[in-house]
């Protein structure tokens, strides 16, 4: 058995048949569904918000892994909590009073995560590591799918893995950006627990088959 997880980003999926996509993801036995929430402010793209996630919650029992790439996430936390997100990840670079945000998320019964951009030093997260459930390492500049994987960020993964083991912390290490069949093994070897894959799945000829191939990489 493996405790490694596949979180499938639906950013590059066909939203005209999103219900069918969610059914397919369940049949493929993916672990999580990843929602890339972008505000056109913190990142140069606009995607979707809580009003899209909420109706999808009604047709999927999978874990909803919600990544808030938005400024002032504290203003919108309750929207995503009420929409049915299971994991809510905010950006270190976009938030103030991060400890309070973590407290709000966890008191709601959800899991709290923090993400950082590729150029942000990893040690800025040290004080939060005892309290969070997940660290999301961006391996591209956030904003668009299909970008090239930045291999130097794997040093951040190794840093987190060591501090997690040394201090017996419980957070999961997730990576997002440019993950494909070539880069996923590199991330997993470095110590990643969760890989986020989107473009590599939905740009393939057979998304279901491609998911199965990624699941094999996790074993």
N, C-alpha and C. Protein backbone atom coordinates (compact mmCIF):
# COMPACT_ATOMS: atom_id res chain seq x y z
N UNK A 1 0.84 -1.20 0.00
CA UNK A 1 0.00 0.00 0.00
C UNK A 1 0.88 1.25 0.00
N UNK A 2 0.36 2.30 -0.63
CA UNK A 2 1.09 3.56 -0.65
C UNK A 2 0.26 4.64 0.01
N UNK A 3 0.93 5.59 0.66
CA UNK A 3 0.20 6.72 1.21
C UNK A 3 0.37 7.97 0.33
N UNK A 4 0.98 7.78 -0.83
CA UNK A 4 1.11 8.89 -1.78
C UNK A 4 -0.24 9.13 -2.45
N UNK A 5 -0.52 10.40 -2.76
CA UNK A 5 -1.83 10.75 -3.28
C UNK A 5 -1.74 11.51 -4.61
N UNK A 6 -2.78 11.33 -5.42
CA UNK A 6 -2.93 12.05 -6.68
C UNK A 6 -4.09 13.02 -6.54
N UNK A 7 -3.79 14.31 -6.70
CA UNK A 7 -4.81 15.36 -6.68
C UNK A 7 -4.94 15.89 -8.11
N UNK A 8 -6.09 15.68 -8.73
CA UNK A 8 -6.27 16.05 -10.13
C UNK A 8 -6.86 17.45 -10.24
N UNK A 9 -6.11 18.33 -10.88
CA UNK A 9 -6.58 19.70 -11.11
C UNK A 9 -7.52 19.72 -12.31
N UNK A 10 -8.71 20.29 -12.11
CA UNK A 10 -9.69 20.34 -13.20
C UNK A 10 -9.59 21.63 -14.01
N UNK A 11 -8.55 22.43 -13.76
CA UNK A 11 -8.40 23.71 -14.45
C UNK A 11 -8.42 23.55 -15.96
N UNK A 12 -7.79 22.51 -16.48
CA UNK A 12 -7.69 22.31 -17.92
C UNK A 12 -8.71 21.31 -18.45
N UNK A 13 -9.69 20.96 -17.63
CA UNK A 13 -10.73 20.05 -18.10
C UNK A 13 -11.79 20.82 -18.89
N UNK A 14 -12.68 20.09 -19.54
CA UNK A 14 -13.76 20.70 -20.32
C UNK A 14 -14.94 20.97 -19.40
N UNK A 15 -15.17 22.24 -19.08
CA UNK A 15 -16.21 22.58 -18.12
C UNK A 15 -17.62 22.43 -18.69
N UNK A 16 -17.73 22.20 -19.98
CA UNK A 16 -19.06 21.97 -20.56
C UNK A 16 -19.59 20.59 -20.19
N UNK A 17 -18.69 19.72 -19.73
CA UNK A 17 -19.12 18.38 -19.30
C UNK A 17 -18.48 18.04 -17.96
N UNK A 18 -18.47 19.00 -17.04
CA UNK A 18 -17.77 18.85 -15.78
C UNK A 18 -18.36 17.72 -14.92
N UNK A 19 -19.68 17.50 -15.00
CA UNK A 19 -20.28 16.42 -14.22
C UNK A 19 -19.72 15.08 -14.67
N UNK A 20 -19.61 14.88 -15.98
CA UNK A 20 -19.05 13.64 -16.50
C UNK A 20 -17.60 13.47 -16.08
N UNK A 21 -16.87 14.60 -16.02
CA UNK A 21 -15.47 14.56 -15.59
C UNK A 21 -15.36 14.08 -14.15
N UNK A 22 -16.22 14.61 -13.28
CA UNK A 22 -16.17 14.22 -11.87
C UNK A 22 -16.52 12.74 -11.69
N UNK A 23 -17.48 12.27 -12.48
CA UNK A 23 -17.83 10.84 -12.43
C UNK A 23 -16.64 10.00 -12.87
N UNK A 24 -15.96 10.43 -13.94
CA UNK A 24 -14.79 9.71 -14.43
C UNK A 24 -13.68 9.69 -13.38
N UNK A 25 -13.46 10.82 -12.71
CA UNK A 25 -12.41 10.88 -11.69
C UNK A 25 -12.70 9.92 -10.54
N UNK A 26 -13.97 9.81 -10.19
CA UNK A 26 -14.35 8.87 -9.13
C UNK A 26 -14.10 7.43 -9.58
N UNK A 27 -14.45 7.11 -10.81
CA UNK A 27 -14.24 5.76 -11.33
C UNK A 27 -12.75 5.43 -11.43
N UNK A 28 -11.95 6.46 -11.72
CA UNK A 28 -10.50 6.26 -11.82
C UNK A 28 -9.84 6.19 -10.44
N UNK A 29 -10.62 6.43 -9.40
CA UNK A 29 -10.17 6.35 -8.01
C UNK A 29 -9.02 7.32 -7.71
N UNK A 30 -9.18 8.56 -8.21
CA UNK A 30 -8.21 9.58 -7.81
C UNK A 30 -8.43 9.87 -6.33
N UNK A 31 -7.44 10.43 -5.68
CA UNK A 31 -7.55 10.69 -4.25
C UNK A 31 -8.26 12.00 -3.95
N UNK A 32 -7.83 13.05 -4.64
CA UNK A 32 -8.38 14.38 -4.42
C UNK A 32 -8.71 15.06 -5.74
N UNK A 33 -9.62 16.04 -5.69
CA UNK A 33 -9.85 16.95 -6.81
C UNK A 33 -9.29 18.31 -6.41
N UNK A 34 -8.44 18.86 -7.26
CA UNK A 34 -7.74 20.11 -6.97
C UNK A 34 -8.44 21.27 -7.68
N UNK A 35 -8.79 22.28 -6.90
CA UNK A 35 -9.45 23.48 -7.44
C UNK A 35 -8.48 24.66 -7.39
N UNK A 36 -8.12 25.17 -8.56
CA UNK A 36 -7.24 26.34 -8.66
C UNK A 36 -8.08 27.60 -8.70
N UNK A 37 -8.19 28.27 -7.57
CA UNK A 37 -9.01 29.48 -7.46
C UNK A 37 -8.10 30.69 -7.66
N UNK A 38 -8.34 31.46 -8.72
CA UNK A 38 -7.49 32.61 -9.07
C UNK A 38 -8.35 33.86 -9.22
N UNK A 39 -7.80 34.98 -8.74
CA UNK A 39 -8.60 36.21 -8.68
C UNK A 39 -8.22 37.28 -9.72
N UNK A 40 -7.21 36.99 -10.56
CA UNK A 40 -6.78 38.01 -11.52
C UNK A 40 -6.03 39.15 -10.86
N UNK A 41 -5.71 39.01 -9.60
CA UNK A 41 -5.03 40.06 -8.83
C UNK A 41 -3.73 39.51 -8.26
N UNK A 42 -3.84 38.49 -7.42
CA UNK A 42 -2.64 37.85 -6.90
C UNK A 42 -1.89 37.12 -8.01
N UNK A 43 -2.65 36.55 -8.93
CA UNK A 43 -2.07 35.90 -10.11
C UNK A 43 -2.76 36.45 -11.36
N UNK A 44 -2.06 36.42 -12.52
CA UNK A 44 -2.60 37.04 -13.73
C UNK A 44 -3.58 36.15 -14.49
N UNK A 45 -4.57 35.63 -13.78
CA UNK A 45 -5.58 34.80 -14.42
C UNK A 45 -6.81 34.78 -13.52
N UNK A 46 -7.96 34.52 -14.10
CA UNK A 46 -9.21 34.40 -13.35
C UNK A 46 -9.80 33.04 -13.65
N UNK A 47 -10.20 32.31 -12.61
CA UNK A 47 -10.80 31.00 -12.85
C UNK A 47 -12.21 30.94 -12.27
N UNK A 48 -12.37 30.36 -11.10
CA UNK A 48 -13.70 30.17 -10.52
C UNK A 48 -13.62 30.34 -9.01
N UNK A 49 -14.79 30.40 -8.40
CA UNK A 49 -14.84 30.61 -6.96
C UNK A 49 -15.74 29.60 -6.27
N UNK A 50 -16.16 29.97 -5.08
CA UNK A 50 -16.95 29.06 -4.24
C UNK A 50 -18.28 28.69 -4.88
N UNK A 51 -18.86 29.58 -5.68
CA UNK A 51 -20.16 29.29 -6.28
C UNK A 51 -20.08 28.17 -7.32
N UNK A 52 -18.90 27.94 -7.86
CA UNK A 52 -18.71 26.81 -8.77
C UNK A 52 -18.47 25.53 -7.98
N UNK A 53 -17.70 25.65 -6.91
CA UNK A 53 -17.36 24.47 -6.11
C UNK A 53 -18.59 23.89 -5.41
N UNK A 54 -19.47 24.75 -4.91
CA UNK A 54 -20.61 24.29 -4.10
C UNK A 54 -21.51 23.29 -4.82
N UNK A 55 -21.95 23.55 -6.06
CA UNK A 55 -22.79 22.54 -6.73
C UNK A 55 -22.04 21.27 -7.10
N UNK A 56 -20.72 21.39 -7.30
CA UNK A 56 -19.93 20.20 -7.61
C UNK A 56 -19.82 19.28 -6.39
N UNK A 57 -19.88 19.89 -5.20
CA UNK A 57 -19.85 19.10 -3.98
C UNK A 57 -20.99 18.09 -3.92
N UNK A 58 -22.12 18.46 -4.53
CA UNK A 58 -23.31 17.62 -4.50
C UNK A 58 -23.15 16.36 -5.35
N UNK A 59 -22.20 16.39 -6.31
CA UNK A 59 -22.07 15.25 -7.23
C UNK A 59 -20.73 14.52 -7.08
N UNK A 60 -19.99 14.86 -6.04
CA UNK A 60 -18.73 14.16 -5.81
C UNK A 60 -18.47 13.99 -4.33
N UNK A 61 -18.02 12.80 -3.96
CA UNK A 61 -17.65 12.51 -2.58
C UNK A 61 -16.14 12.55 -2.37
N UNK A 62 -15.40 12.86 -3.43
CA UNK A 62 -13.94 12.92 -3.33
C UNK A 62 -13.50 14.12 -2.49
N UNK A 63 -12.29 14.05 -1.97
CA UNK A 63 -11.73 15.16 -1.21
C UNK A 63 -11.53 16.36 -2.11
N UNK A 64 -12.06 17.51 -1.71
CA UNK A 64 -11.90 18.76 -2.46
C UNK A 64 -10.70 19.52 -1.90
N UNK A 65 -9.69 19.63 -2.73
CA UNK A 65 -8.40 20.24 -2.39
C UNK A 65 -8.37 21.64 -3.02
N UNK A 66 -8.70 22.66 -2.24
CA UNK A 66 -8.92 24.00 -2.78
C UNK A 66 -7.71 24.91 -2.53
N UNK A 67 -7.13 25.39 -3.61
CA UNK A 67 -5.92 26.22 -3.57
C UNK A 67 -6.30 27.66 -3.89
N UNK A 68 -6.27 28.52 -2.87
CA UNK A 68 -6.68 29.90 -3.03
C UNK A 68 -5.50 30.77 -3.47
N UNK A 69 -5.45 31.07 -4.76
CA UNK A 69 -4.45 32.00 -5.28
C UNK A 69 -5.09 33.37 -5.40
N UNK A 70 -5.42 33.92 -4.22
CA UNK A 70 -6.16 35.17 -4.15
C UNK A 70 -5.60 36.04 -3.04
N UNK A 71 -5.74 37.35 -3.21
CA UNK A 71 -5.34 38.28 -2.16
C UNK A 71 -6.41 38.32 -1.08
N UNK A 72 -5.97 38.58 0.13
CA UNK A 72 -6.84 38.66 1.30
C UNK A 72 -7.78 37.44 1.40
N UNK A 73 -7.22 36.26 1.43
CA UNK A 73 -8.07 35.05 1.49
C UNK A 73 -8.96 35.00 2.72
N UNK A 74 -8.55 35.71 3.79
CA UNK A 74 -9.33 35.69 5.01
C UNK A 74 -10.76 36.21 4.79
N UNK A 75 -10.95 37.06 3.79
CA UNK A 75 -12.27 37.61 3.50
C UNK A 75 -13.22 36.57 2.92
N UNK A 76 -12.67 35.51 2.36
CA UNK A 76 -13.49 34.56 1.60
C UNK A 76 -13.48 33.15 2.18
N UNK A 77 -12.80 32.97 3.30
CA UNK A 77 -12.67 31.62 3.87
C UNK A 77 -14.01 30.94 4.08
N UNK A 78 -14.96 31.66 4.68
CA UNK A 78 -16.24 31.04 4.99
C UNK A 78 -16.99 30.59 3.74
N UNK A 79 -16.79 31.32 2.63
CA UNK A 79 -17.43 30.93 1.37
C UNK A 79 -16.95 29.54 0.93
N UNK A 80 -15.64 29.32 1.04
CA UNK A 80 -15.08 28.04 0.61
C UNK A 80 -15.33 26.93 1.62
N UNK A 81 -15.40 27.29 2.88
CA UNK A 81 -15.79 26.32 3.91
C UNK A 81 -17.22 25.85 3.65
N UNK A 82 -18.13 26.80 3.44
CA UNK A 82 -19.54 26.48 3.21
C UNK A 82 -19.76 25.74 1.89
N UNK A 83 -18.87 25.98 0.92
CA UNK A 83 -19.00 25.34 -0.39
C UNK A 83 -18.66 23.86 -0.36
N UNK A 84 -17.96 23.45 0.70
CA UNK A 84 -17.65 22.03 0.84
C UNK A 84 -16.20 21.65 0.60
N UNK A 85 -15.31 22.63 0.59
CA UNK A 85 -13.89 22.32 0.48
C UNK A 85 -13.44 21.53 1.70
N UNK A 86 -12.63 20.51 1.47
CA UNK A 86 -12.10 19.71 2.58
C UNK A 86 -10.74 20.22 3.04
N UNK A 87 -9.95 20.70 2.08
CA UNK A 87 -8.63 21.28 2.36
C UNK A 87 -8.62 22.68 1.76
N UNK A 88 -8.21 23.65 2.55
CA UNK A 88 -8.14 25.03 2.04
C UNK A 88 -6.71 25.52 2.23
N UNK A 89 -6.07 25.82 1.10
CA UNK A 89 -4.68 26.25 1.10
C UNK A 89 -4.60 27.70 0.67
N UNK A 90 -3.95 28.50 1.50
CA UNK A 90 -3.77 29.92 1.19
C UNK A 90 -2.29 30.17 0.86
N UNK A 91 -2.02 31.32 0.24
CA UNK A 91 -0.64 31.65 -0.10
C UNK A 91 -0.01 32.52 0.99
N UNK A 92 1.19 32.14 1.38
CA UNK A 92 1.97 32.93 2.34
C UNK A 92 2.10 34.37 1.86
N UNK A 93 2.31 34.55 0.56
CA UNK A 93 2.58 35.88 -0.01
C UNK A 93 1.33 36.76 -0.08
N UNK A 94 0.15 36.15 0.08
CA UNK A 94 -1.10 36.90 -0.15
C UNK A 94 -1.89 37.18 1.12
N UNK A 95 -1.44 36.65 2.25
CA UNK A 95 -2.27 36.70 3.45
C UNK A 95 -1.59 37.44 4.60
N UNK A 96 -2.40 38.02 5.44
CA UNK A 96 -1.95 38.59 6.70
C UNK A 96 -2.58 37.77 7.82
N UNK A 97 -1.92 37.78 8.97
CA UNK A 97 -2.41 37.04 10.14
C UNK A 97 -2.70 35.58 9.79
N UNK A 98 -1.67 34.92 9.29
CA UNK A 98 -1.80 33.53 8.84
C UNK A 98 -2.22 32.60 9.97
N UNK A 99 -1.74 32.85 11.17
CA UNK A 99 -2.12 31.99 12.29
C UNK A 99 -3.62 32.02 12.54
N UNK A 100 -4.22 33.18 12.39
CA UNK A 100 -5.67 33.31 12.58
C UNK A 100 -6.42 32.56 11.48
N UNK A 101 -5.91 32.64 10.25
CA UNK A 101 -6.53 31.94 9.13
C UNK A 101 -6.50 30.43 9.37
N UNK A 102 -5.34 29.94 9.80
CA UNK A 102 -5.21 28.50 10.10
C UNK A 102 -6.23 28.10 11.17
N UNK A 103 -6.36 28.93 12.19
CA UNK A 103 -7.28 28.65 13.29
C UNK A 103 -8.73 28.57 12.79
N UNK A 104 -9.11 29.51 11.94
CA UNK A 104 -10.48 29.54 11.41
C UNK A 104 -10.76 28.28 10.59
N UNK A 105 -9.83 27.92 9.72
CA UNK A 105 -10.02 26.74 8.86
C UNK A 105 -10.14 25.48 9.71
N UNK A 106 -9.27 25.32 10.68
CA UNK A 106 -9.26 24.09 11.46
C UNK A 106 -10.45 24.01 12.42
N UNK A 107 -10.90 25.15 12.92
CA UNK A 107 -12.07 25.14 13.79
C UNK A 107 -13.33 24.75 13.02
N UNK A 108 -13.30 24.98 11.72
CA UNK A 108 -14.46 24.61 10.88
C UNK A 108 -14.48 23.13 10.56
N UNK A 109 -13.43 22.41 10.97
CA UNK A 109 -13.34 20.99 10.70
C UNK A 109 -12.64 20.65 9.40
N UNK A 110 -12.08 21.67 8.74
CA UNK A 110 -11.36 21.47 7.49
C UNK A 110 -9.85 21.39 7.76
N UNK A 111 -9.10 21.02 6.75
CA UNK A 111 -7.65 20.98 6.87
C UNK A 111 -7.06 22.25 6.26
N UNK A 112 -5.99 22.74 6.88
CA UNK A 112 -5.39 24.02 6.48
C UNK A 112 -4.03 23.81 5.83
N UNK A 113 -3.83 24.49 4.71
CA UNK A 113 -2.56 24.41 4.00
C UNK A 113 -1.99 25.79 3.70
N UNK A 114 -0.68 25.83 3.49
CA UNK A 114 0.00 27.05 3.06
C UNK A 114 0.81 26.73 1.81
N UNK A 115 0.77 27.66 0.86
CA UNK A 115 1.55 27.49 -0.37
C UNK A 115 2.52 28.65 -0.52
N UNK A 116 3.62 28.38 -1.23
CA UNK A 116 4.57 29.44 -1.56
C UNK A 116 4.94 29.36 -3.04
N UNK A 117 5.26 30.52 -3.59
CA UNK A 117 5.71 30.62 -4.96
C UNK A 117 7.15 30.10 -5.08
N UNK A 118 7.61 29.82 -6.30
CA UNK A 118 8.96 29.27 -6.48
C UNK A 118 10.08 30.14 -5.91
N UNK A 119 9.93 31.45 -5.93
CA UNK A 119 11.02 32.32 -5.48
C UNK A 119 10.97 32.65 -3.99
N UNK A 120 9.94 32.21 -3.30
CA UNK A 120 9.82 32.49 -1.87
C UNK A 120 10.66 31.51 -1.06
N UNK A 121 11.51 31.99 -0.16
CA UNK A 121 12.33 31.07 0.65
C UNK A 121 11.46 30.15 1.50
N UNK A 122 11.85 28.92 1.59
CA UNK A 122 11.04 27.93 2.30
C UNK A 122 11.02 28.17 3.81
N UNK A 123 12.07 28.76 4.35
CA UNK A 123 12.13 28.91 5.82
C UNK A 123 11.12 29.92 6.37
N UNK A 124 10.45 30.69 5.50
CA UNK A 124 9.42 31.61 6.00
C UNK A 124 8.25 30.84 6.61
N UNK A 125 8.15 29.56 6.32
CA UNK A 125 7.04 28.75 6.82
C UNK A 125 7.34 28.05 8.13
N UNK A 126 8.56 28.16 8.61
CA UNK A 126 8.98 27.37 9.78
C UNK A 126 8.02 27.46 10.97
N UNK A 127 7.58 28.67 11.28
CA UNK A 127 6.76 28.85 12.49
C UNK A 127 5.36 28.27 12.34
N UNK A 128 4.93 28.02 11.09
CA UNK A 128 3.58 27.50 10.86
C UNK A 128 3.54 25.97 10.76
N UNK A 129 4.67 25.36 10.57
CA UNK A 129 4.71 23.92 10.29
C UNK A 129 4.10 23.04 11.38
N UNK A 130 4.20 23.41 12.66
CA UNK A 130 3.60 22.54 13.69
C UNK A 130 2.07 22.49 13.62
N UNK A 131 1.46 23.50 13.00
CA UNK A 131 0.01 23.66 13.08
C UNK A 131 -0.75 23.35 11.80
N UNK A 132 -0.04 23.24 10.68
CA UNK A 132 -0.75 23.08 9.42
C UNK A 132 -0.83 21.60 9.00
N UNK A 133 -1.73 21.35 8.07
CA UNK A 133 -1.95 19.99 7.59
C UNK A 133 -1.24 19.72 6.27
N UNK A 134 -0.86 20.79 5.56
CA UNK A 134 -0.31 20.62 4.22
C UNK A 134 0.54 21.82 3.83
N UNK A 135 1.64 21.55 3.14
CA UNK A 135 2.44 22.60 2.49
C UNK A 135 2.42 22.32 0.99
N UNK A 136 2.00 23.32 0.24
CA UNK A 136 1.94 23.18 -1.22
C UNK A 136 3.10 23.97 -1.84
N UNK A 137 4.02 23.24 -2.45
CA UNK A 137 5.15 23.85 -3.14
C UNK A 137 4.79 24.07 -4.61
N UNK A 138 4.84 25.32 -5.04
CA UNK A 138 4.58 25.62 -6.44
C UNK A 138 5.86 25.40 -7.25
N UNK A 139 5.75 24.55 -8.27
CA UNK A 139 6.91 24.27 -9.11
C UNK A 139 6.82 24.97 -10.46
N UNK A 140 5.89 25.92 -10.55
CA UNK A 140 5.81 26.90 -11.63
C UNK A 140 5.32 28.20 -10.99
N UNK A 141 5.41 29.30 -11.73
CA UNK A 141 4.79 30.54 -11.25
C UNK A 141 3.28 30.38 -11.37
N UNK A 142 2.55 30.55 -10.27
CA UNK A 142 1.11 30.28 -10.31
C UNK A 142 0.36 31.23 -11.25
N UNK A 143 -0.64 30.70 -11.91
CA UNK A 143 -1.47 31.51 -12.78
C UNK A 143 -2.01 30.79 -14.00
N UNK A 144 -1.20 29.89 -14.56
CA UNK A 144 -1.63 29.19 -15.76
C UNK A 144 -1.16 27.74 -15.73
N UNK A 145 -1.95 26.84 -16.34
CA UNK A 145 -1.56 25.45 -16.45
C UNK A 145 -0.61 25.26 -17.61
N UNK A 146 0.06 24.11 -17.62
CA UNK A 146 0.90 23.74 -18.75
C UNK A 146 2.29 24.33 -18.76
N UNK A 147 2.74 24.92 -17.65
CA UNK A 147 4.07 25.51 -17.60
C UNK A 147 5.14 24.44 -17.33
N UNK A 148 6.39 24.83 -17.59
CA UNK A 148 7.51 23.92 -17.40
C UNK A 148 7.89 23.81 -15.93
N UNK A 149 8.14 22.61 -15.50
CA UNK A 149 8.52 22.28 -14.12
C UNK A 149 9.86 22.91 -13.77
N UNK A 150 9.92 23.56 -12.58
CA UNK A 150 11.15 24.17 -12.08
C UNK A 150 11.81 23.21 -11.10
N UNK A 151 12.80 22.48 -11.56
CA UNK A 151 13.41 21.43 -10.74
C UNK A 151 14.08 21.94 -9.46
N UNK A 152 14.64 23.16 -9.43
CA UNK A 152 15.27 23.63 -8.19
C UNK A 152 14.35 23.66 -6.97
N UNK A 153 13.02 23.71 -7.17
CA UNK A 153 12.13 23.74 -6.01
C UNK A 153 12.15 22.43 -5.23
N UNK A 154 12.72 21.38 -5.82
CA UNK A 154 12.78 20.11 -5.11
C UNK A 154 13.66 20.21 -3.86
N UNK A 155 14.55 21.19 -3.84
CA UNK A 155 15.34 21.42 -2.62
C UNK A 155 14.44 21.83 -1.46
N UNK A 156 13.36 22.55 -1.77
CA UNK A 156 12.39 22.93 -0.73
C UNK A 156 11.66 21.70 -0.21
N UNK A 157 11.34 20.80 -1.12
CA UNK A 157 10.69 19.55 -0.71
C UNK A 157 11.59 18.76 0.24
N UNK A 158 12.87 18.65 -0.11
CA UNK A 158 13.82 17.92 0.73
C UNK A 158 13.96 18.58 2.11
N UNK A 159 13.97 19.90 2.12
CA UNK A 159 14.04 20.65 3.39
C UNK A 159 12.84 20.31 4.26
N UNK A 160 11.64 20.34 3.65
CA UNK A 160 10.42 20.05 4.40
C UNK A 160 10.40 18.61 4.90
N UNK A 161 10.84 17.71 4.06
CA UNK A 161 10.86 16.30 4.45
C UNK A 161 11.75 16.07 5.66
N UNK A 162 12.90 16.73 5.67
CA UNK A 162 13.83 16.56 6.78
C UNK A 162 13.27 17.14 8.08
N UNK A 163 12.73 18.35 7.99
CA UNK A 163 12.21 18.99 9.20
C UNK A 163 10.98 18.25 9.71
N UNK A 164 10.21 17.70 8.80
CA UNK A 164 9.03 16.91 9.18
C UNK A 164 9.45 15.66 9.95
N UNK A 165 10.46 14.99 9.46
CA UNK A 165 10.96 13.78 10.13
C UNK A 165 11.65 14.11 11.44
N UNK A 166 12.48 15.16 11.43
CA UNK A 166 13.24 15.52 12.63
C UNK A 166 12.33 15.93 13.78
N UNK A 167 11.26 16.65 13.47
CA UNK A 167 10.39 17.19 14.51
C UNK A 167 9.07 16.44 14.65
N UNK A 168 8.92 15.37 13.86
CA UNK A 168 7.72 14.53 13.93
C UNK A 168 6.45 15.33 13.65
N UNK A 169 6.51 16.21 12.65
CA UNK A 169 5.33 16.95 12.22
C UNK A 169 4.44 16.07 11.34
N UNK A 170 3.19 16.52 11.18
CA UNK A 170 2.21 15.68 10.48
C UNK A 170 1.74 16.24 9.13
N UNK A 171 2.26 17.36 8.69
CA UNK A 171 1.77 17.95 7.44
C UNK A 171 2.17 17.10 6.22
N UNK A 172 1.33 17.17 5.20
CA UNK A 172 1.65 16.55 3.92
C UNK A 172 2.38 17.54 3.02
N UNK A 173 3.25 17.04 2.17
CA UNK A 173 3.97 17.87 1.22
C UNK A 173 3.35 17.65 -0.16
N UNK A 174 2.82 18.71 -0.72
CA UNK A 174 2.16 18.66 -2.02
C UNK A 174 2.95 19.50 -3.02
N UNK A 175 2.94 19.10 -4.29
CA UNK A 175 3.62 19.87 -5.32
C UNK A 175 2.69 20.07 -6.50
N UNK A 176 2.76 21.27 -7.10
CA UNK A 176 1.84 21.62 -8.19
C UNK A 176 2.58 22.46 -9.23
N UNK A 177 2.48 22.03 -10.49
CA UNK A 177 3.05 22.81 -11.59
C UNK A 177 3.99 22.00 -12.45
N UNK A 178 3.60 21.75 -13.69
CA UNK A 178 4.47 21.03 -14.61
C UNK A 178 4.69 19.58 -14.26
N UNK A 179 3.74 18.99 -13.52
CA UNK A 179 3.90 17.59 -13.14
C UNK A 179 3.40 16.69 -14.28
N UNK A 180 4.30 15.86 -14.77
CA UNK A 180 3.99 14.89 -15.82
C UNK A 180 4.67 13.57 -15.48
N UNK A 181 4.70 12.65 -16.42
CA UNK A 181 5.25 11.32 -16.12
C UNK A 181 6.76 11.34 -15.94
N UNK A 182 7.41 12.41 -16.41
CA UNK A 182 8.86 12.54 -16.23
C UNK A 182 9.19 13.25 -14.92
N UNK A 183 8.41 14.28 -14.56
CA UNK A 183 8.73 15.07 -13.37
C UNK A 183 8.14 14.49 -12.09
N UNK A 184 7.04 13.76 -12.20
CA UNK A 184 6.42 13.17 -11.01
C UNK A 184 7.38 12.28 -10.23
N UNK A 185 8.13 11.38 -10.89
CA UNK A 185 9.08 10.54 -10.13
C UNK A 185 10.14 11.36 -9.40
N UNK A 186 10.57 12.47 -9.99
CA UNK A 186 11.56 13.33 -9.33
C UNK A 186 10.99 13.92 -8.05
N UNK A 187 9.74 14.38 -8.13
CA UNK A 187 9.09 14.97 -6.96
C UNK A 187 8.86 13.93 -5.88
N UNK A 188 8.42 12.76 -6.28
CA UNK A 188 8.16 11.69 -5.30
C UNK A 188 9.44 11.24 -4.62
N UNK A 189 10.52 11.15 -5.37
CA UNK A 189 11.81 10.76 -4.80
C UNK A 189 12.31 11.79 -3.80
N UNK A 190 12.02 13.07 -4.07
CA UNK A 190 12.46 14.15 -3.16
C UNK A 190 11.69 14.15 -1.86
N UNK A 191 10.51 13.51 -1.83
CA UNK A 191 9.76 13.42 -0.59
C UNK A 191 8.34 13.93 -0.63
N UNK A 192 7.82 14.18 -1.82
CA UNK A 192 6.45 14.68 -1.96
C UNK A 192 5.44 13.59 -1.59
N UNK A 193 4.37 14.00 -0.91
CA UNK A 193 3.29 13.09 -0.55
C UNK A 193 2.13 13.15 -1.53
N UNK A 194 1.91 14.32 -2.12
CA UNK A 194 0.77 14.55 -3.01
C UNK A 194 1.24 15.25 -4.28
N UNK A 195 0.92 14.67 -5.43
CA UNK A 195 1.22 15.35 -6.70
C UNK A 195 -0.08 15.89 -7.28
N UNK A 196 -0.01 17.13 -7.76
CA UNK A 196 -1.15 17.74 -8.45
C UNK A 196 -0.89 17.64 -9.95
N UNK A 197 -1.81 17.03 -10.66
CA UNK A 197 -1.67 16.84 -12.10
C UNK A 197 -2.94 17.33 -12.79
N UNK A 198 -2.77 18.13 -13.82
CA UNK A 198 -3.92 18.62 -14.56
C UNK A 198 -3.72 18.53 -16.05
N UNK A 199 -2.87 19.39 -16.58
CA UNK A 199 -2.65 19.46 -18.02
C UNK A 199 -2.22 18.12 -18.61
N UNK A 200 -1.33 17.41 -17.92
CA UNK A 200 -0.82 16.14 -18.43
C UNK A 200 -1.93 15.10 -18.56
N UNK A 201 -2.98 15.25 -17.77
CA UNK A 201 -4.12 14.33 -17.85
C UNK A 201 -5.11 14.76 -18.93
N UNK A 202 -5.52 16.03 -18.87
CA UNK A 202 -6.61 16.47 -19.73
C UNK A 202 -6.17 16.82 -21.15
N UNK A 203 -4.86 16.91 -21.38
CA UNK A 203 -4.37 17.10 -22.75
C UNK A 203 -4.03 15.77 -23.42
N UNK A 204 -4.15 14.69 -22.66
CA UNK A 204 -3.85 13.36 -23.21
C UNK A 204 -5.04 12.83 -24.00
N UNK A 205 -4.80 11.81 -24.79
CA UNK A 205 -5.86 11.23 -25.62
C UNK A 205 -6.90 10.49 -24.79
N UNK A 206 -6.48 9.96 -23.64
CA UNK A 206 -7.38 9.19 -22.79
C UNK A 206 -7.09 9.54 -21.33
N UNK A 207 -7.89 10.44 -20.77
CA UNK A 207 -7.64 10.93 -19.42
C UNK A 207 -7.71 9.81 -18.39
N UNK A 208 -8.67 8.90 -18.54
CA UNK A 208 -8.83 7.79 -17.59
C UNK A 208 -7.58 6.93 -17.56
N UNK A 209 -7.09 6.57 -18.73
CA UNK A 209 -5.89 5.74 -18.84
C UNK A 209 -4.68 6.47 -18.26
N UNK A 210 -4.57 7.76 -18.52
CA UNK A 210 -3.44 8.55 -18.02
C UNK A 210 -3.45 8.62 -16.50
N UNK A 211 -4.64 8.76 -15.92
CA UNK A 211 -4.75 8.76 -14.46
C UNK A 211 -4.23 7.44 -13.89
N UNK A 212 -4.61 6.35 -14.51
CA UNK A 212 -4.16 5.03 -14.04
C UNK A 212 -2.63 4.92 -14.10
N UNK A 213 -2.04 5.53 -15.13
CA UNK A 213 -0.59 5.51 -15.26
C UNK A 213 0.07 6.33 -14.15
N UNK A 214 -0.53 7.45 -13.80
CA UNK A 214 0.00 8.24 -12.67
C UNK A 214 -0.18 7.51 -11.36
N UNK A 215 -1.28 6.81 -11.20
CA UNK A 215 -1.49 6.05 -9.98
C UNK A 215 -0.42 4.98 -9.80
N UNK A 216 0.01 4.38 -10.89
CA UNK A 216 1.09 3.38 -10.83
C UNK A 216 2.40 4.00 -10.35
N UNK A 217 2.63 5.27 -10.75
CA UNK A 217 3.86 5.94 -10.33
C UNK A 217 3.91 6.16 -8.83
N UNK A 218 2.74 6.21 -8.21
CA UNK A 218 2.66 6.46 -6.77
C UNK A 218 2.99 5.23 -5.94
N UNK A 219 2.96 4.06 -6.56
CA UNK A 219 3.18 2.81 -5.81
C UNK A 219 4.67 2.54 -5.60
